Protein backbone atom coordinates (compact mmCIF):
# COMPACT_ATOMS: atom_id res chain seq x y z
CA MET A 1 -0.03 -0.11 0.03
CA THR A 2 1.31 3.38 -1.20
CA THR A 3 1.58 6.14 1.72
CA HIS A 4 1.01 9.60 0.32
CA LEU A 5 2.12 12.98 2.12
CA TYR A 6 0.76 16.22 1.00
CA LEU A 7 2.78 19.40 2.28
CA ALA A 8 0.31 22.36 2.93
CA SER A 9 -1.31 24.46 5.46
CA ILE A 10 -3.90 22.33 7.24
CA LEU A 11 -7.33 23.74 8.12
CA HIS A 12 -10.38 21.85 9.53
CA PHE A 13 -12.57 21.33 12.51
CA PRO A 14 -11.76 18.01 14.54
CA GLN A 15 -15.15 17.87 16.15
CA LYS A 16 -18.68 19.03 16.38
CA THR A 17 -18.67 22.59 18.11
CA ALA A 18 -21.13 25.47 18.62
CA GLN A 19 -18.07 27.89 18.61
CA PRO A 20 -16.31 27.10 14.97
CA LYS A 21 -14.62 30.27 14.96
CA GLN A 22 -12.66 29.23 18.05
CA ASP A 23 -12.51 25.33 17.81
CA PHE A 24 -10.72 25.00 14.65
CA SER A 25 -7.33 23.30 13.71
CA TYR A 26 -4.87 25.33 11.57
CA ILE A 27 -1.27 24.11 10.96
CA LYS A 28 0.55 26.66 8.82
CA ASP A 29 3.35 24.49 7.88
CA GLY A 30 1.43 21.37 7.86
CA ALA A 31 1.06 18.07 6.13
CA LEU A 32 -1.62 15.42 5.70
CA VAL A 33 -0.67 11.55 5.40
CA THR A 34 -3.09 9.11 3.52
CA GLN A 35 -3.14 5.47 2.75
CA ASN A 36 -5.57 3.08 1.28
CA GLY A 37 -8.36 5.88 0.92
CA LYS A 38 -8.03 7.01 4.59
CA ILE A 39 -6.21 9.54 6.55
CA LEU A 40 -3.38 8.15 8.71
CA ALA A 41 -2.17 11.65 10.31
CA THR A 42 -2.28 15.44 10.07
CA GLY A 43 0.40 17.52 11.96
CA GLN A 44 3.67 19.69 11.43
CA ALA A 45 5.17 19.04 8.02
CA ASN A 46 8.76 18.28 9.73
CA ASP A 47 7.24 15.84 12.22
CA LEU A 48 5.36 13.73 9.63
CA LEU A 49 8.19 13.81 7.05
CA SER A 50 10.42 12.07 9.56
CA GLN A 51 7.66 9.68 10.68
CA TYR A 52 6.86 8.56 7.16
CA PRO A 53 9.95 8.63 5.21
CA GLU A 54 8.68 6.01 2.74
CA ALA A 55 5.64 8.23 1.59
CA VAL A 56 5.23 9.74 -1.77
CA SER A 57 5.46 13.48 -1.31
CA HIS A 58 3.40 16.09 -2.84
CA ASP A 59 4.12 19.83 -2.53
CA TYR A 60 1.48 22.29 -2.19
CA ARG A 61 3.06 24.59 0.13
CA GLY A 62 1.42 28.13 0.15
CA GLN A 63 -1.83 26.42 -0.19
CA ILE A 64 -4.28 25.02 2.08
CA ILE A 65 -5.88 21.40 2.56
CA MET A 66 -9.26 21.46 3.89
CA PRO A 67 -11.95 18.70 4.28
CA GLY A 68 -13.94 18.12 1.03
CA PHE A 69 -16.77 20.36 0.74
CA ILE A 70 -20.34 18.91 1.40
CA ASP A 71 -23.25 20.23 -0.54
CA SER A 72 -26.34 19.04 1.42
CA HIS A 73 -29.14 20.07 -0.92
CA LEU A 74 -29.10 20.38 -4.95
CA HIS A 75 -30.93 18.84 -7.97
CA PHE A 76 -28.86 17.01 -10.42
CA PRO A 77 -31.56 17.17 -13.23
CA GLN A 78 -31.40 20.99 -13.09
CA THR A 79 -27.70 21.18 -14.07
CA GLU A 80 -28.30 22.54 -17.38
CA MET A 81 -30.91 25.00 -16.32
CA LEU A 82 -28.52 26.88 -14.10
CA ALA A 83 -29.01 30.68 -14.31
CA SER A 84 -32.35 30.40 -16.12
CA PHE A 85 -34.01 33.97 -16.05
CA GLY A 86 -35.64 34.11 -12.32
CA GLU A 87 -39.14 33.90 -11.35
CA GLN A 88 -40.52 33.05 -7.98
CA LEU A 89 -40.63 29.38 -6.80
CA LEU A 90 -44.04 28.23 -8.06
CA ASP A 91 -43.73 29.77 -11.47
CA TRP A 92 -39.96 28.94 -11.77
CA LEU A 93 -41.05 25.19 -11.35
CA ASP A 94 -43.61 25.23 -14.10
CA ASN A 95 -41.74 27.20 -16.49
CA TYR A 96 -38.09 25.58 -16.16
CA THR A 97 -37.87 23.01 -13.79
CA PHE A 98 -40.48 20.33 -14.97
CA PRO A 99 -39.77 20.83 -18.80
CA THR A 100 -36.00 20.17 -17.90
CA GLU A 101 -36.73 17.13 -15.69
CA LYS A 102 -38.83 15.58 -18.51
CA LYS A 103 -35.61 14.49 -20.34
CA PHE A 104 -34.34 12.20 -17.51
CA ALA A 105 -36.77 9.54 -18.87
CA ASN A 106 -34.12 8.96 -21.24
CA PRO A 107 -31.41 6.71 -19.30
CA GLU A 108 -28.63 7.65 -21.58
CA TYR A 109 -29.42 11.38 -21.29
CA ALA A 110 -29.48 10.88 -17.57
CA ALA A 111 -26.18 9.34 -17.66
CA LYS A 112 -24.56 12.16 -19.59
CA ILE A 113 -25.73 14.83 -17.28
CA ALA A 114 -24.69 12.75 -14.27
CA ASP A 115 -21.23 12.78 -15.58
CA ILE A 116 -21.29 16.57 -15.98
CA PHE A 117 -22.95 17.15 -12.85
CA LEU A 118 -20.25 15.30 -10.83
CA ARG A 119 -17.22 16.92 -12.75
CA GLN A 120 -18.96 20.34 -11.62
CA LEU A 121 -18.91 19.28 -7.93
CA TYR A 122 -15.24 18.05 -8.20
CA ARG A 123 -14.04 21.12 -10.07
CA ASN A 124 -15.38 23.30 -7.07
CA GLY A 125 -14.21 21.07 -4.33
CA THR A 126 -17.43 19.22 -3.52
CA THR A 127 -16.60 15.69 -2.55
CA SER A 128 -19.98 14.59 -1.01
CA ALA A 129 -23.47 15.87 -1.69
CA MET A 130 -27.29 15.16 -0.82
CA VAL A 131 -28.94 15.06 -4.26
CA TYR A 132 -32.43 15.16 -5.59
CA SER A 133 -32.78 13.31 -8.98
CA SER A 134 -36.05 13.27 -11.11
CA VAL A 135 -39.11 11.18 -10.80
CA HIS A 136 -37.55 8.67 -12.99
CA GLN A 137 -35.99 5.42 -11.56
CA CYS A 138 -33.33 5.44 -14.33
CA ALA A 139 -31.99 8.97 -13.50
CA ALA A 140 -31.25 7.92 -9.84
CA ASP A 141 -29.57 4.77 -11.12
CA ALA A 142 -27.51 6.72 -13.57
CA LEU A 143 -26.34 9.09 -10.71
CA PHE A 144 -25.41 6.49 -8.34
CA ASN A 145 -23.57 4.48 -10.88
CA ALA A 146 -21.43 7.70 -11.97
CA ALA A 147 -20.76 8.50 -8.13
CA LYS A 148 -19.62 4.67 -7.49
CA GLN A 149 -16.91 5.13 -10.27
CA ASN A 150 -15.13 7.64 -8.11
CA LYS A 151 -15.96 5.83 -4.82
CA MET A 152 -17.92 9.23 -4.04
CA LEU A 153 -20.04 9.49 -0.71
CA LEU A 154 -23.39 10.22 -2.32
CA ILE A 155 -26.80 10.45 -0.61
CA ALA A 156 -29.65 10.67 -3.36
CA GLY A 157 -33.27 9.79 -4.27
CA LYS A 158 -35.73 9.61 -6.80
CA VAL A 159 -38.26 12.42 -6.55
CA CYS A 160 -41.85 11.62 -5.78
CA MET A 161 -44.77 13.42 -7.01
CA ASP A 162 -48.33 12.31 -7.96
CA ARG A 163 -50.05 15.48 -8.41
CA HIS A 164 -49.63 19.22 -9.12
CA CYS A 165 -47.14 18.75 -12.07
CA PRO A 166 -47.41 17.68 -15.54
CA SER A 167 -48.90 14.17 -16.26
CA TRP A 168 -45.57 13.06 -17.77
CA LEU A 169 -43.84 13.64 -14.48
CA GLN A 170 -46.16 11.97 -12.26
CA ASP A 171 -45.73 8.67 -10.37
CA THR A 172 -48.35 7.01 -8.16
CA PRO A 173 -48.22 6.41 -4.47
CA GLU A 174 -47.90 2.56 -5.26
CA SER A 175 -45.02 3.20 -7.92
CA ALA A 176 -43.14 5.68 -5.92
CA GLN A 177 -42.91 3.22 -2.73
CA LYS A 178 -42.17 0.27 -5.09
CA GLU A 179 -39.53 2.14 -7.06
CA SER A 180 -38.06 3.82 -3.95
CA ALA A 181 -37.79 0.44 -2.28
CA GLU A 182 -36.01 -1.01 -5.16
CA LEU A 183 -33.51 1.78 -5.21
CA ILE A 184 -32.97 1.44 -1.38
CA GLU A 185 -32.08 -2.38 -1.83
CA ARG A 186 -29.99 -1.66 -4.89
CA TRP A 187 -27.91 1.13 -3.38
CA HIS A 188 -28.36 2.19 0.32
CA GLY A 189 -25.32 1.21 2.29
CA LYS A 190 -23.32 -0.02 -0.81
CA ASP A 191 -19.90 1.09 -1.10
CA ARG A 192 -20.33 5.11 -0.10
CA LEU A 193 -23.81 5.54 -1.42
CA TYR A 194 -26.71 6.23 0.78
CA TYR A 195 -30.45 6.57 -0.30
CA ALA A 196 -32.96 9.34 0.44
CA ILE A 197 -36.56 8.96 0.43
CA THR A 198 -37.66 12.20 -1.67
CA PRO A 199 -40.80 13.61 -2.01
CA ARG A 200 -40.39 16.70 -3.77
CA PHE A 201 -42.52 18.90 -1.31
CA ALA A 202 -45.88 18.63 0.22
CA PRO A 203 -47.87 20.19 -2.45
CA THR A 204 -46.82 17.67 -5.21
CA SER A 205 -47.64 14.44 -3.02
CA SER A 206 -51.18 13.48 -2.11
CA HIS A 207 -52.26 12.09 1.15
CA GLU A 208 -52.05 8.69 -0.10
CA GLN A 209 -48.48 9.08 -1.51
CA LEU A 210 -46.95 10.68 1.70
CA HIS A 211 -48.62 7.79 3.57
CA ALA A 212 -46.96 5.22 1.38
CA LEU A 213 -43.57 7.00 1.80
CA GLY A 214 -44.03 7.25 5.71
CA GLU A 215 -44.45 3.46 5.36
CA LEU A 216 -41.34 3.16 3.60
CA ALA A 217 -39.60 5.50 6.01
CA GLN A 218 -40.70 3.24 8.93
CA GLN A 219 -39.59 0.04 7.24
CA TYR A 220 -36.17 1.46 6.36
CA PRO A 221 -35.38 3.44 9.66
CA ASP A 222 -31.66 4.11 8.65
CA VAL A 223 -32.19 5.61 5.24
CA TYR A 224 -32.14 9.56 4.74
CA ILE A 225 -35.22 11.64 3.99
CA GLN A 226 -34.96 14.88 2.04
CA SER A 227 -37.65 17.52 1.13
CA HIS A 228 -38.37 21.13 0.96
CA LEU A 229 -39.91 23.16 3.65
CA ASN A 230 -41.39 26.97 4.29
CA GLU A 231 -39.48 28.22 1.30
CA ASN A 232 -42.04 30.57 0.03
CA LEU A 233 -44.99 32.26 1.34
CA ASN A 234 -47.23 31.43 -1.64
CA GLU A 235 -45.97 27.76 -1.38
CA ILE A 236 -46.67 27.82 2.54
CA ASP A 237 -50.40 29.02 1.79
CA TRP A 238 -50.86 26.42 -0.67
CA VAL A 239 -49.79 23.70 1.62
CA ASN A 240 -52.11 25.12 4.24
CA SER A 241 -55.04 24.86 1.74
CA LEU A 242 -54.11 21.41 0.65
CA TYR A 243 -53.45 19.97 4.29
CA PRO A 244 -56.04 22.13 6.36
CA GLU A 245 -56.14 19.36 9.02
CA TYR A 246 -52.45 19.93 10.13
CA ASN A 247 -50.73 22.41 12.33
CA GLY A 248 -48.53 24.11 9.53
CA TYR A 249 -46.14 22.77 6.84
CA LEU A 250 -43.69 20.82 9.06
CA ASP A 251 -46.54 18.98 10.90
CA VAL A 252 -47.57 17.43 7.32
CA TYR A 253 -44.29 15.66 7.35
CA ASP A 254 -44.48 14.86 10.91
CA LYS A 255 -47.74 13.11 10.73
CA PHE A 256 -46.48 10.83 7.61
CA ASN A 257 -43.37 9.66 9.72
CA MET A 258 -40.84 11.52 8.06
CA LEU A 259 -39.49 13.86 10.60
CA ARG A 260 -36.59 12.18 12.33
CA PRO A 261 -32.66 12.22 12.43
CA LYS A 262 -31.27 11.81 8.92
CA ALA A 263 -33.98 14.00 7.58
CA MET A 264 -32.81 17.19 5.78
CA PHE A 265 -35.27 19.82 4.98
CA GLY A 266 -34.33 22.58 2.42
CA HIS A 267 -34.60 26.37 3.16
CA CYS A 268 -36.87 26.41 6.41
CA ILE A 269 -37.02 30.49 5.82
CA HIS A 270 -40.50 31.13 7.14
CA MET A 271 -40.77 28.96 10.22
CA GLN A 272 -43.33 29.15 13.12
CA GLU A 273 -42.09 29.23 16.67
CA HIS A 274 -43.70 25.64 17.47
CA GLU A 275 -42.03 24.36 14.17
CA TRP A 276 -38.61 25.50 15.25
CA GLN A 277 -39.15 23.55 18.48
CA ARG A 278 -40.61 20.60 16.94
CA MET A 279 -37.72 20.20 14.50
CA SER A 280 -35.28 20.56 17.30
CA ASP A 281 -37.10 17.77 19.26
CA SER A 282 -37.07 15.60 16.21
CA GLY A 283 -33.27 15.42 15.53
CA ALA A 284 -33.74 16.70 11.85
CA SER A 285 -31.67 19.13 10.11
CA ILE A 286 -31.87 22.12 7.86
CA ALA A 287 -30.04 23.01 4.50
CA PHE A 288 -29.49 26.72 4.10
CA CYS A 289 -29.58 27.56 0.53
CA PRO A 290 -28.52 31.31 0.37
CA THR A 291 -27.93 31.68 -3.45
CA SER A 292 -31.39 30.08 -4.47
CA ASN A 293 -33.43 31.92 -1.58
CA LEU A 294 -31.84 35.35 -2.96
CA PHE A 295 -32.45 34.38 -6.73
CA LEU A 296 -36.12 33.23 -6.22
CA GLY A 297 -36.66 36.13 -3.88
CA SER A 298 -37.80 33.56 -1.17
CA GLY A 299 -36.47 35.30 1.96
CA LEU A 300 -33.53 35.28 4.61
CA PHE A 301 -32.48 32.35 6.42
CA ASP A 302 -32.67 32.70 10.26
CA LEU A 303 -29.44 30.94 11.19
CA LYS A 304 -29.26 32.25 14.72
CA THR A 305 -32.78 30.97 15.59
CA ALA A 306 -31.96 27.52 14.14
CA GLU A 307 -28.92 27.55 16.37
CA LYS A 308 -30.66 28.93 19.26
CA TYR A 309 -32.84 25.62 19.00
CA ASP A 310 -29.80 23.48 18.50
CA ILE A 311 -30.93 22.40 14.99
CA PRO A 312 -28.08 21.13 12.83
CA VAL A 313 -27.56 23.30 9.88
CA ALA A 314 -25.81 22.53 6.48
CA LEU A 315 -24.65 24.85 3.69
CA ALA A 316 -25.91 24.10 0.24
CA THR A 317 -25.97 25.43 -3.26
CA ASP A 318 -29.53 24.25 -4.30
CA VAL A 319 -28.46 23.89 -7.93
CA GLY A 320 -30.23 24.90 -10.18
CA ALA A 321 -32.22 27.77 -8.45
CA GLY A 322 -28.95 28.05 -6.74
CA THR A 323 -26.53 30.01 -8.99
CA THR A 324 -23.22 28.36 -8.32
CA PHE A 325 -21.73 25.03 -7.82
CA SER A 326 -19.02 26.86 -5.76
CA MET A 327 -19.55 26.21 -2.01
CA LEU A 328 -16.91 29.03 -1.48
CA ARG A 329 -19.31 31.33 -3.32
CA THR A 330 -22.29 30.09 -1.64
CA LEU A 331 -20.58 30.84 1.77
CA GLY A 332 -19.97 34.51 0.31
CA GLU A 333 -23.92 34.72 -0.17
CA ALA A 334 -24.65 33.24 3.19
CA TYR A 335 -22.64 36.02 4.59
CA LYS A 336 -24.74 38.68 2.65
CA VAL A 337 -28.00 36.94 4.19
CA GLY A 338 -26.63 37.44 7.57
CA GLN A 339 -25.94 41.27 6.82
CA LEU A 340 -29.40 41.76 5.55
CA ARG A 341 -30.63 40.29 8.90
CA SER A 342 -28.28 42.45 10.73
CA GLU A 343 -26.30 39.30 11.86
CA GLN A 344 -22.76 38.40 11.19
CA LEU A 345 -21.56 34.97 9.77
CA PRO A 346 -18.05 34.52 10.60
CA PRO A 347 -16.11 33.13 7.81
CA LEU A 348 -15.05 30.21 9.80
CA HIS A 349 -18.33 29.65 11.06
CA GLY A 350 -19.35 29.35 7.50
CA LEU A 351 -16.88 27.09 6.63
CA TYR A 352 -17.95 24.86 9.29
CA LEU A 353 -21.30 24.53 7.76
CA MET A 354 -19.91 23.10 4.72
CA THR A 355 -17.61 20.75 6.30
CA GLN A 356 -17.75 19.10 9.59
CA GLY A 357 -21.21 20.86 10.50
CA ALA A 358 -22.84 19.44 7.49
CA ALA A 359 -21.35 15.96 8.32
CA VAL A 360 -22.82 16.27 11.66
CA ALA A 361 -26.19 17.19 10.12
CA GLN A 362 -26.00 13.97 8.10
CA GLY A 363 -24.78 11.79 10.98
CA LEU A 364 -21.55 11.18 8.87
CA GLU A 365 -18.74 12.87 11.01
CA GLN A 366 -16.94 9.87 11.64
CA SER A 367 -16.31 9.32 7.79
CA ILE A 368 -16.23 12.95 6.51
CA GLY A 369 -16.24 16.45 7.11
CA ASN A 370 -12.68 16.66 8.96
CA LEU A 371 -9.13 15.51 8.46
CA ASN A 372 -8.94 13.37 11.75
CA ALA A 373 -7.01 10.03 11.47
CA GLY A 374 -9.34 7.10 10.39
CA THR A 375 -11.54 9.30 8.38
CA ASP A 376 -12.06 8.96 4.44
CA ALA A 377 -9.49 10.88 2.54
CA ASP A 378 -11.87 13.14 1.04
CA PHE A 379 -10.07 16.68 0.71
CA VAL A 380 -9.50 19.89 -1.18
CA ILE A 381 -6.31 21.84 -2.06
CA VAL A 382 -7.13 25.43 -2.21
CA ASP A 383 -5.08 28.04 -3.57
CA PRO A 384 -5.60 31.54 -1.97
CA HIS A 385 -3.31 33.13 -4.68
CA PHE A 386 -5.07 31.66 -7.65
CA ASP A 387 -5.12 35.12 -9.59
CA GLU A 388 -3.20 38.46 -9.27
CA LEU A 389 -6.13 39.94 -7.24
CA THR A 390 -6.44 37.10 -4.58
CA SER A 391 -2.53 37.12 -4.39
CA LEU A 392 -2.60 40.94 -3.59
CA ARG A 393 -5.62 40.53 -1.15
CA CYS A 394 -4.24 37.28 0.65
CA GLU A 395 -0.80 38.35 1.88
CA GLU A 396 1.73 36.16 3.75
CA GLN A 397 0.89 37.62 6.97
CA SER A 398 -3.06 37.40 6.52
CA GLU A 399 -4.75 35.56 9.22
CA ILE A 400 -6.50 32.25 8.31
CA GLN A 401 -9.92 33.82 9.08
CA ASP A 402 -9.29 36.61 6.76
CA ILE A 403 -8.14 34.38 3.98
CA ILE A 404 -11.15 32.35 4.36
CA PHE A 405 -13.29 35.40 4.05
CA ALA A 406 -11.56 36.69 1.02
CA LEU A 407 -12.14 33.46 -0.81
CA SER A 408 -15.89 33.64 -0.12
CA MET A 409 -16.04 36.74 -1.66
CA LEU A 410 -13.52 36.50 -4.62
CA ALA A 411 -13.09 32.75 -5.33
CA ASP A 412 -14.85 30.16 -7.52
CA ASP A 413 -13.69 26.92 -9.31
CA ARG A 414 -10.26 28.78 -10.03
CA ALA A 415 -9.34 28.46 -6.52
CA ILE A 416 -9.43 24.52 -6.55
CA THR A 417 -6.15 23.05 -7.34
CA ALA A 418 -7.08 19.49 -6.51
CA THR A 419 -9.97 17.51 -5.30
CA TYR A 420 -9.42 14.09 -3.71
CA ILE A 421 -11.95 11.47 -3.00
CA ALA A 422 -10.87 8.29 -0.92
CA GLY A 423 -7.42 9.46 -1.34
CA GLU A 424 -7.69 9.43 -5.22
CA PRO A 425 -7.61 12.69 -7.25
CA VAL A 426 -10.82 13.29 -9.10
CA TYR A 427 -9.90 16.82 -10.33
CA ARG A 428 -6.60 18.56 -10.92
CA ALA A 429 -6.51 22.07 -12.37
CA ASN A 430 -4.86 22.56 -15.69
CA THR A 431 -4.97 18.76 -16.46
């Protein structure tokens, strides 16, 4: 087994914390050692060079090794419609999303876009993701197959919707349950792949379909669940009209047994007090999607209240309503959302939400999200001097907090020198 040693500055959060701007590990003259897809050690470069003299050395000094970024909410069939002229949520779905997703009934087309989608993640430093597929079972298969080729840790699910969408995108309660169960049996827990039961959102699933998916969630208590929640005011009014017997949007998922640990709900912008409390009690998590919330005019996520209730929060791009695959750029937009709420998001706090914090939200911190010995060797090499401007901005004496903030405002995929998954390079700049 070949041992590899990477020379660079090392930045990560070794454990779950409520104070990420304090509880981080930064080694300026550091090194990372990997073997057989796992991290063996991080530490001072001189110490590890002497400890592992047999290791193949890779010199990235002047750059920063971080855990691979984790994107906790995005839609792979929407890759090609990124940056479509904006509307608000419900019209945007009708005019852009549904016509695009129709194409994924074709397995060859789904496989083609799956490859493009994953390449975009890798070139932006994203090594793990929680992904919505289309309603078509073959599209989910294509995505899982593509991720398996690179040993990627992927959580994904077939979207389920049996009403309030075009007939050519509808499944049924029975087919949604059957096809999701088949996908669970085929993919969940195989290699580094996990399944998420995925009702698109409450308005596109009938009572009968949510009941069928809730039965599936009880049958498979270790699978993930993902959906949308309290994103848009018109959406919320619609849910209340469709489910008048329930106490708000969250209660719909709750009553159908889909509120629990390993459930990730996107957006959660317009939450009622009792919903914050119930989500906290349930162990479910929130995906904070700043670029799509701003793009669709949905509102400003209340991170402070989520943290007050001790609800795990993960940062996410929400491609394709989200406007970039770059988690660094998404971090910059999260800061701006905080500014509009008169709340500051410190840069290291934001970085935590896309690394260790996201892993905690998904219950995967023993595998990803940090650079601890024994975890999977998913990491990204970031160059804070990738062009003339950032070289000027990120001087040698700059504090690491300031460098991360500058990257959140100025960086994109050009800042990513290399992305490694399970110890193997899946992206290298200029190659």
